[in-house]
PDB file of N, CA and C in Angstrom:
ATOM      1  N   MET A   1       4.961 -30.014  28.995  1.00  0.00           N
ATOM      2  CA  MET A   1       4.190 -28.722  29.890  1.00  0.00           C
ATOM      3  C   MET A   1       5.667 -28.250  29.658  1.00  0.00           C
ATOM      4  N   ARG A   2       5.520 -26.474  29.753  1.00  0.00           N
ATOM      5  CA  ARG A   2       6.756 -25.706  29.824  1.00  0.00           C
ATOM      6  C   ARG A   2       6.366 -24.171  29.981  1.00  0.00           C
ATOM      7  N   LEU A   3       7.303 -23.370  31.362  1.00  0.00           N
ATOM      8  CA  LEU A   3       7.145 -22.784  32.661  1.00  0.00           C
ATOM      9  C   LEU A   3       8.317 -22.246  32.418  1.00  0.00           C
ATOM     10  N   ILE A   4       7.929 -20.787  32.281  1.00  0.00           N
ATOM     11  CA  ILE A   4       8.405 -19.660  32.435  1.00  0.00           C
ATOM     12  C   ILE A   4       9.003 -19.772  34.408  1.00  0.00           C
ATOM     13  N   VAL A   5      10.345 -19.605  34.954  1.00  0.00           N
ATOM     14  CA  VAL A   5      10.139 -18.771  36.186  1.00  0.00           C
ATOM     15  C   VAL A   5      10.784 -17.629  36.431  1.00  0.00           C
ATOM     16  N   GLY A   6      10.253 -16.902  37.372  1.00  0.00           N
ATOM     17  CA  GLY A   6      11.194 -15.774  36.881  1.00  0.00           C
ATOM     18  C   GLY A   6      11.520 -15.625  38.688  1.00  0.00           C
ATOM     19  N   MET A   7      12.809 -15.367  39.271  1.00  0.00           N
ATOM     20  CA  MET A   7      14.008 -15.403  40.298  1.00  0.00           C
ATOM     21  C   MET A   7      13.843 -14.029  40.672  1.00  0.00           C
ATOM     22  N   THR A   8      12.492 -13.382  41.892  1.00  0.00           N
ATOM     23  CA  THR A   8      13.611 -11.577  42.057  1.00  0.00           C
ATOM     24  C   THR A   8      14.095 -12.379  43.429  1.00  0.00           C
ATOM     25  N   GLY A   9      14.718 -10.587  43.554  1.00  0.00           N
ATOM     26  CA  GLY A   9      15.363  -9.974  44.694  1.00  0.00           C
ATOM     27  C   GLY A   9      14.889 -10.069  45.939  1.00  0.00           C
ATOM     28  N   ALA A  10      13.783 -11.138  46.036  1.00  0.00           N
ATOM     29  CA  ALA A  10      12.860 -10.808  47.279  1.00  0.00           C
ATOM     30  C   ALA A  10      13.555 -11.588  48.027  1.00  0.00           C
ATOM     31  N   THR A  11      13.409 -11.049  49.850  1.00  0.00           N
ATOM     32  CA  THR A  11      13.918 -12.792  50.634  1.00  0.00           C
ATOM     33  C   THR A  11      12.673 -14.300  49.851  1.00  0.00           C
ATOM     34  N   GLY A  12      13.854 -15.626  50.649  1.00  0.00           N
ATOM     35  CA  GLY A  12      13.029 -16.459  49.871  1.00  0.00           C
ATOM     36  C   GLY A  12      13.242 -16.922  49.272  1.00  0.00           C
ATOM     37  N   ALA A  13      14.590 -16.813  48.477  1.00  0.00           N
ATOM     38  CA  ALA A  13      15.573 -17.487  47.283  1.00  0.00           C
ATOM     39  C   ALA A  13      15.165 -19.403  47.178  1.00  0.00           C
ATOM     40  N   PRO A  14      15.181 -19.744  48.967  1.00  0.00           N
ATOM     41  CA  PRO A  14      14.907 -20.823  49.059  1.00  0.00           C
ATOM     42  C   PRO A  14      13.556 -21.534  48.149  1.00  0.00           C
ATOM     43  N   LEU A  15      12.066 -21.354  47.594  1.00  0.00           N
ATOM     44  CA  LEU A  15      11.441 -21.162  47.640  1.00  0.00           C
ATOM     45  C   LEU A  15      11.648 -21.314  45.816  1.00  0.00           C
ATOM     46  N   GLY A  16      12.213 -20.455  45.862  1.00  0.00           N
ATOM     47  CA  GLY A  16      12.755 -20.542  43.694  1.00  0.00           C
ATOM     48  C   GLY A  16      13.322 -22.237  43.400  1.00  0.00           C
ATOM     49  N   VAL A  17      14.595 -22.937  44.482  1.00  0.00           N
ATOM     50  CA  VAL A  17      15.296 -23.495  44.360  1.00  0.00           C
ATOM     51  C   VAL A  17      14.398 -25.053  44.598  1.00  0.00           C
ATOM     52  N   GLU A  18      13.487 -24.260  45.356  1.00  0.00           N
ATOM     53  CA  GLU A  18      12.861 -26.008  45.976  1.00  0.00           C
ATOM     54  C   GLU A  18      12.039 -26.060  44.845  1.00  0.00           C
ATOM     55  N   LEU A  19      11.337 -24.851  43.838  1.00  0.00           N
ATOM     56  CA  LEU A  19      10.017 -25.133  42.748  1.00  0.00           C
ATOM     57  C   LEU A  19      11.440 -26.344  41.762  1.00  0.00           C
ATOM     58  N   LEU A  20      12.407 -25.414  41.413  1.00  0.00           N
ATOM     59  CA  LEU A  20      13.048 -25.703  39.936  1.00  0.00           C
ATOM     60  C   LEU A  20      13.904 -26.852  39.892  1.00  0.00           C
ATOM     61  N   GLN A  21      13.639 -27.729  41.253  1.00  0.00           N
ATOM     62  CA  GLN A  21      13.241 -29.096  42.335  1.00  0.00           C
ATOM     63  C   GLN A  21      12.486 -29.531  42.048  1.00  0.00           C
ATOM     64  N   ALA A  22      11.781 -29.086  41.934  1.00  0.00           N
ATOM     65  CA  ALA A  22       9.906 -30.397  42.076  1.00  0.00           C
ATOM     66  C   ALA A  22       9.513 -30.174  40.455  1.00  0.00           C
ATOM     67  N   LEU A  23      10.270 -28.938  40.064  1.00  0.00           N
ATOM     68  CA  LEU A  23       9.987 -28.727  38.499  1.00  0.00           C
ATOM     69  C   LEU A  23      10.911 -30.251  37.850  1.00  0.00           C
ATOM     70  N   ARG A  24      11.515 -30.615  37.781  1.00  0.00           N
ATOM     71  CA  ARG A  24      13.200 -30.957  37.430  1.00  0.00           C
ATOM     72  C   ARG A  24      12.802 -32.470  37.938  1.00  0.00           C
ATOM     73  N   ALA A  25      12.601 -32.507  38.469  1.00  0.00           N
ATOM     74  CA  ALA A  25      12.178 -34.102  38.727  1.00  0.00           C
ATOM     75  C   ALA A  25      10.857 -34.538  38.509  1.00  0.00           C
ATOM     76  N   ILE A  26       9.959 -33.011  37.576  1.00  0.00           N
ATOM     77  CA  ILE A  26       8.263 -34.502  36.764  1.00  0.00           C
ATOM     78  C   ILE A  26       9.070 -34.127  35.468  1.00  0.00           C
ATOM     79  N   PRO A  27       8.476 -35.351  35.086  1.00  0.00           N
ATOM     80  CA  PRO A  27       8.979 -35.737  33.496  1.00  0.00           C
ATOM     81  C   PRO A  27       8.555 -34.931  32.304  1.00  0.00           C
ATOM     82  N   ASP A  28       9.126 -34.574  31.937  1.00  0.00           N
ATOM     83  CA  ASP A  28       7.731 -33.213  30.538  1.00  0.00           C
ATOM     84  C   ASP A  28       7.632 -32.090  30.913  1.00  0.00           C
ATOM     85  N   VAL A  29       8.533 -31.468  32.361  1.00  0.00           N
ATOM     86  CA  VAL A  29       8.382 -30.027  31.986  1.00  0.00           C
ATOM     87  C   VAL A  29       9.260 -29.819  31.760  1.00  0.00           C
ATOM     88  N   GLU A  30       8.887 -28.813  31.000  1.00  0.00           N
ATOM     89  CA  GLU A  30      10.364 -27.716  30.077  1.00  0.00           C
ATOM     90  C   GLU A  30      10.224 -26.509  30.989  1.00  0.00           C
ATOM     91  N   THR A  31      11.019 -25.927  31.455  1.00  0.00           N
ATOM     92  CA  THR A  31      11.312 -25.138  32.675  1.00  0.00           C
ATOM     93  C   THR A  31      12.450 -24.176  32.485  1.00  0.00           C
ATOM     94  N   HIS A  32      12.062 -22.463  31.976  1.00  0.00           N
ATOM     95  CA  HIS A  32      13.389 -21.332  31.123  1.00  0.00           C
ATOM     96  C   HIS A  32      12.772 -20.717  32.481  1.00  0.00           C
ATOM     97  N   LEU A  33      14.037 -20.096  32.929  1.00  0.00           N
ATOM     98  CA  LEU A  33      14.665 -19.194  33.814  1.00  0.00           C
ATOM     99  C   LEU A  33      15.265 -18.145  34.109  1.00  0.00           C
ATOM    100  N   VAL A  34      14.558 -17.221  34.166  1.00  0.00           N
ATOM    101  CA  VAL A  34      15.162 -15.547  34.690  1.00  0.00           C
ATOM    102  C   VAL A  34      15.676 -14.961  35.881  1.00  0.00           C
ATOM    103  N   MET A  35      16.459 -15.358  36.601  1.00  0.00           N
ATOM    104  CA  MET A  35      17.073 -14.389  37.083  1.00  0.00           C
ATOM    105  C   MET A  35      17.626 -12.624  37.285  1.00  0.00           C
ATOM    106  N   SER A  36      17.410 -12.397  37.836  1.00  0.00           N
ATOM    107  CA  SER A  36      17.195 -10.155  38.212  1.00  0.00           C
ATOM    108  C   SER A  36      18.667 -11.025  39.265  1.00  0.00           C
ATOM    109  N   LYS A  37      19.198  -9.494  38.934  1.00  0.00           N
ATOM    110  CA  LYS A  37      19.960  -9.523  39.455  1.00  0.00           C
ATOM    111  C   LYS A  37      19.884  -9.425  40.843  1.00  0.00           C
ATOM    112  N   TRP A  38      19.224  -8.832  41.234  1.00  0.00           N
ATOM    113  CA  TRP A  38      19.473  -9.208  42.945  1.00  0.00           C
ATOM    114  C   TRP A  38      18.893 -11.093  43.347  1.00  0.00           C
ATOM    115  N   ALA A  39      18.164 -11.321  42.176  1.00  0.00           N
ATOM    116  CA  ALA A  39      18.041 -12.952  42.636  1.00  0.00           C
ATOM    117  C   ALA A  39      19.605 -13.591  42.728  1.00  0.00           C
ATOM    118  N   LYS A  40      19.725 -13.259  41.944  1.00  0.00           N
ATOM    119  CA  LYS A  40      22.062 -14.247  41.547  1.00  0.00           C
ATOM    120  C   LYS A  40      22.287 -13.152  43.282  1.00  0.00           C
ATOM    121  N   THR A  41      22.222 -12.019  43.458  1.00  0.00           N
ATOM    122  CA  THR A  41      22.711 -11.810  44.915  1.00  0.00           C
ATOM    123  C   THR A  41      21.696 -12.992  45.972  1.00  0.00           C
ATOM    124  N   THR A  42      20.448 -12.939  46.351  1.00  0.00           N
ATOM    125  CA  THR A  42      19.569 -13.241  47.471  1.00  0.00           C
ATOM    126  C   THR A  42      19.526 -15.056  47.585  1.00  0.00           C
ATOM    127  N   ILE A  43      20.131 -15.249  46.495  1.00  0.00           N
ATOM    128  CA  ILE A  43      20.710 -16.674  46.138  1.00  0.00           C
ATOM    129  C   ILE A  43      21.723 -16.727  47.405  1.00  0.00           C
ATOM    130  N   GLU A  44      23.135 -16.408  46.540  1.00  0.00           N
ATOM    131  CA  GLU A  44      24.510 -16.753  48.001  1.00  0.00           C
ATOM    132  C   GLU A  44      24.285 -15.832  49.249  1.00  0.00           C
ATOM    133  N   LEU A  45      23.106 -15.591  49.310  1.00  0.00           N
ATOM    134  CA  LEU A  45      22.362 -14.783  51.022  1.00  0.00           C
ATOM    135  C   LEU A  45      22.073 -15.552  51.844  1.00  0.00           C
ATOM    136  N   GLU A  46      21.039 -16.532  51.149  1.00  0.00           N
ATOM    137  CA  GLU A  46      19.762 -17.126  51.700  1.00  0.00           C
ATOM    138  C   GLU A  46      20.246 -18.318  51.714  1.00  0.00           C
ATOM    139  N   THR A  47      20.685 -19.104  50.263  1.00  0.00           N
ATOM    140  CA  THR A  47      21.158 -20.756  49.921  1.00  0.00           C
ATOM    141  C   THR A  47      22.706 -21.260  50.303  1.00  0.00           C
ATOM    142  N   PRO A  48      23.100 -22.439  50.228  1.00  0.00           N
ATOM    143  CA  PRO A  48      24.116 -22.810  50.151  1.00  0.00           C
ATOM    144  C   PRO A  48      24.846 -23.144  48.752  1.00  0.00           C
ATOM    145  N   TYR A  49      23.722 -22.607  46.987  1.00  0.00           N
ATOM    146  CA  TYR A  49      24.096 -22.234  46.195  1.00  0.00           C
ATOM    147  C   TYR A  49      24.410 -21.535  46.037  1.00  0.00           C
ATOM    148  N   THR A  50      25.044 -21.542  44.890  1.00  0.00           N
ATOM    149  CA  THR A  50      25.372 -19.670  43.386  1.00  0.00           C
ATOM    150  C   THR A  50      25.011 -20.095  42.505  1.00  0.00           C
ATOM    151  N   PRO A  51      24.761 -19.140  42.424  1.00  0.00           N
ATOM    152  CA  PRO A  51      23.419 -18.813  40.939  1.00  0.00           C
ATOM    153  C   PRO A  51      24.056 -19.303  39.481  1.00  0.00           C
ATOM    154  N   ALA A  52      24.771 -20.117  39.023  1.00  0.00           N
ATOM    155  CA  ALA A  52      24.998 -20.687  38.161  1.00  0.00           C
ATOM    156  C   ALA A  52      24.447 -22.400  39.220  1.00  0.00           C
ATOM    157  N   GLU A  53      25.514 -22.903  40.106  1.00  0.00           N
ATOM    158  CA  GLU A  53      24.122 -24.038  39.665  1.00  0.00           C
ATOM    159  C   GLU A  53      22.269 -23.880  39.938  1.00  0.00           C
ATOM    160  N   VAL A  54      21.999 -22.704  40.848  1.00  0.00           N
ATOM    161  CA  VAL A  54      20.302 -22.616  40.498  1.00  0.00           C
ATOM    162  C   VAL A  54      19.872 -22.800  39.013  1.00  0.00           C
ATOM    163  N   ALA A  55      20.331 -22.362  37.752  1.00  0.00           N
ATOM    164  CA  ALA A  55      20.598 -22.127  36.438  1.00  0.00           C
ATOM    165  C   ALA A  55      20.956 -23.088  35.942  1.00  0.00           C
ATOM    166  N   ALA A  56      21.656 -24.607  36.770  1.00  0.00           N
ATOM    167  CA  ALA A  56      21.959 -25.607  35.908  1.00  0.00           C
ATOM    168  C   ALA A  56      20.576 -26.572  36.509  1.00  0.00           C
ATOM    169  N   LEU A  57      19.554 -26.303  37.093  1.00  0.00           N
ATOM    170  CA  LEU A  57      18.435 -26.507  37.781  1.00  0.00           C
ATOM    171  C   LEU A  57      16.901 -26.909  36.138  1.00  0.00           C
ATOM    172  N   ALA A  58      17.001 -25.740  35.023  1.00  0.00           N
ATOM    173  CA  ALA A  58      16.301 -25.268  34.541  1.00  0.00           C
ATOM    174  C   ALA A  58      17.445 -25.545  33.004  1.00  0.00           C
ATOM    175  N   ASP A  59      15.918 -26.083  32.097  1.00  0.00           N
ATOM    176  CA  ASP A  59      16.345 -26.714  31.054  1.00  0.00           C
ATOM    177  C   ASP A  59      16.780 -25.686  30.556  1.00  0.00           C
ATOM    178  N   TYR A  60      16.212 -23.840  30.821  1.00  0.00           N
ATOM    179  CA  TYR A  60      17.114 -23.013  30.367  1.00  0.00           C
ATOM    180  C   TYR A  60      17.348 -21.565  31.001  1.00  0.00           C
ATOM    181  N   CYS A  61      18.692 -20.814  30.427  1.00  0.00           N
ATOM    182  CA  CYS A  61      18.243 -19.334  31.135  1.00  0.00           C
ATOM    183  C   CYS A  61      18.213 -18.389  31.061  1.00  0.00           C
ATOM    184  N   HIS A  62      18.226 -17.622  31.052  1.00  0.00           N
ATOM    185  CA  HIS A  62      17.653 -16.300  30.289  1.00  0.00           C
ATOM    186  C   HIS A  62      18.212 -15.033  31.113  1.00  0.00           C
ATOM    187  N   SER A  63      18.519 -14.169  30.869  1.00  0.00           N
ATOM    188  CA  SER A  63      19.432 -13.114  31.246  1.00  0.00           C
ATOM    189  C   SER A  63      18.013 -12.291  30.465  1.00  0.00           C
ATOM    190  N   PRO A  64      17.775 -11.248  31.887  1.00  0.00           N
ATOM    191  CA  PRO A  64      17.210 -10.414  31.355  1.00  0.00           C
ATOM    192  C   PRO A  64      16.882  -9.012  31.053  1.00  0.00           C
ATOM    193  N   ALA A  65      17.918  -9.506  29.956  1.00  0.00           N
ATOM    194  CA  ALA A  65      18.149  -8.079  29.728  1.00  0.00           C
ATOM    195  C   ALA A  65      19.089  -8.620  27.710  1.00  0.00           C
ATOM    196  N   ASP A  66      18.431  -9.833  27.742  1.00  0.00           N
ATOM    197  CA  ASP A  66      18.197 -10.309  26.293  1.00  0.00           C
ATOM    198  C   ASP A  66      17.014 -10.207  25.656  1.00  0.00           C
ATOM    199  N   GLN A  67      16.651  -9.276  24.851  1.00  0.00           N
ATOM    200  CA  GLN A  67      15.264  -9.053  24.577  1.00  0.00           C
ATOM    201  C   GLN A  67      15.143 -10.066  22.853  1.00  0.00           C
ATOM    202  N   ALA A  68      16.231 -10.780  22.681  1.00  0.00           N
ATOM    203  CA  ALA A  68      16.090 -11.711  21.226  1.00  0.00           C
ATOM    204  C   ALA A  68      15.979 -12.800  22.314  1.00  0.00           C
ATOM    205  N   ALA A  69      15.856 -13.286  23.088  1.00  0.00           N
ATOM    206  CA  ALA A  69      15.589 -14.928  24.026  1.00  0.00           C
ATOM    207  C   ALA A  69      14.198 -14.890  23.263  1.00  0.00           C
ATOM    208  N   THR A  70      14.251 -16.734  23.480  1.00  0.00           N
ATOM    209  CA  THR A  70      13.637 -17.115  22.454  1.00  0.00           C
ATOM    210  C   THR A  70      11.911 -16.258  23.880  1.00  0.00           C
ATOM    211  N   ILE A  71      11.331 -15.939  24.678  1.00  0.00           N
ATOM    212  CA  ILE A  71      11.117 -16.169  25.766  1.00  0.00           C
ATOM    213  C   ILE A  71       9.841 -14.993  25.111  1.00  0.00           C
ATOM    214  N   SER A  72      11.350 -13.595  24.222  1.00  0.00           N
ATOM    215  CA  SER A  72      10.153 -12.619  24.930  1.00  0.00           C
ATOM    216  C   SER A  72      10.032 -12.330  23.427  1.00  0.00           C
ATOM    217  N   SER A  73       9.519 -13.700  22.786  1.00  0.00           N
ATOM    218  CA  SER A  73       8.442 -12.946  21.718  1.00  0.00           C
ATOM    219  C   SER A  73       7.426 -13.579  22.017  1.00  0.00           C
ATOM    220  N   GLY A  74       6.233 -12.909  21.199  1.00  0.00           N
ATOM    221  CA  GLY A  74       4.540 -13.249  21.414  1.00  0.00           C
ATOM    222  C   GLY A  74       4.616 -14.627  21.193  1.00  0.00           C
ATOM    223  N   SER A  75       4.840 -15.483  20.557  1.00  0.00           N
ATOM    224  CA  SER A  75       4.858 -15.973  19.784  1.00  0.00           C
ATOM    225  C   SER A  75       5.402 -17.754  20.389  1.00  0.00           C
ATOM    226  N   PHE A  76       6.295 -16.905  21.246  1.00  0.00           N
ATOM    227  CA  PHE A  76       6.894 -18.189  22.382  1.00  0.00           C
ATOM    228  C   PHE A  76       6.121 -19.231  23.365  1.00  0.00           C
ATOM    229  N   ARG A  77       5.270 -20.036  23.217  1.00  0.00           N
ATOM    230  CA  ARG A  77       3.868 -20.909  23.985  1.00  0.00           C
ATOM    231  C   ARG A  77       4.640 -21.065  24.828  1.00  0.00           C
ATOM    232  N   THR A  78       3.396 -21.041  26.221  1.00  0.00           N
ATOM    233  CA  THR A  78       3.992 -21.624  28.234  1.00  0.00           C
ATOM    234  C   THR A  78       3.209 -22.282  28.123  1.00  0.00           C
ATOM    235  N   ASP A  79       3.000 -22.957  28.693  1.00  0.00           N
ATOM    236  CA  ASP A  79       1.458 -22.991  29.794  1.00  0.00           C
ATOM    237  C   ASP A  79       1.644 -22.155  31.428  1.00  0.00           C
ATOM    238  N   GLY A  80       1.747 -21.207  31.149  1.00  0.00           N
ATOM    239  CA  GLY A  80       2.613 -20.873  32.676  1.00  0.00           C
ATOM    240  C   GLY A  80       3.338 -19.391  32.316  1.00  0.00           C
ATOM    241  N   MET A  81       3.986 -18.968  33.757  1.00  0.00           N
ATOM    242  CA  MET A  81       4.432 -18.878  33.994  1.00  0.00           C
ATOM    243  C   MET A  81       4.866 -17.915  36.155  1.00  0.00           C
ATOM    244  N   ILE A  82       6.129 -18.472  36.739  1.00  0.00           N
ATOM    245  CA  ILE A  82       5.319 -18.582  38.487  1.00  0.00           C
ATOM    246  C   ILE A  82       6.315 -17.260  38.101  1.00  0.00           C
ATOM    247  N   ILE A  83       6.251 -16.558  39.681  1.00  0.00           N
ATOM    248  CA  ILE A  83       6.674 -14.864  39.854  1.00  0.00           C
ATOM    249  C   ILE A  83       7.422 -15.946  41.119  1.00  0.00           C
ATOM    250  N   ILE A  84       8.686 -16.392  41.699  1.00  0.00           N
ATOM    251  CA  ILE A  84       8.792 -16.766  43.055  1.00  0.00           C
ATOM    252  C   ILE A  84      11.217 -16.172  43.464  1.00  0.00           C
ATOM    253  N   PRO A  85      10.711 -15.642  44.912  1.00  0.00           N
ATOM    254  CA  PRO A  85       9.643 -15.726  45.856  1.00  0.00           C
ATOM    255  C   PRO A  85       8.937 -13.521  44.577  1.00  0.00           C
ATOM    256  N   CYS A  86       7.539 -13.903  45.128  1.00  0.00           N
ATOM    257  CA  CYS A  86       7.155 -12.423  45.629  1.00  0.00           C
ATOM    258  C   CYS A  86       6.117 -12.032  46.465  1.00  0.00           C
TER     259      CYS A  86
END
């Protein structure tokens, strides 16, 4: 299964961290993470983790500014996308 996780700057960053931890524990789940600028700030304020530590929970981490990222292509197949927190 291939999932995209989009972390926003809304309050609730621990939810995104817990989701990534849970998905990492499931075999055959590939995660692609995108963190907004404000998500990184919220992670630092609301969790004991750094944005780099959160990024390491995903299989791949993409910059929201990278239009050449694999996930930016319409041919990139996924099983879904989760926006968290929202």
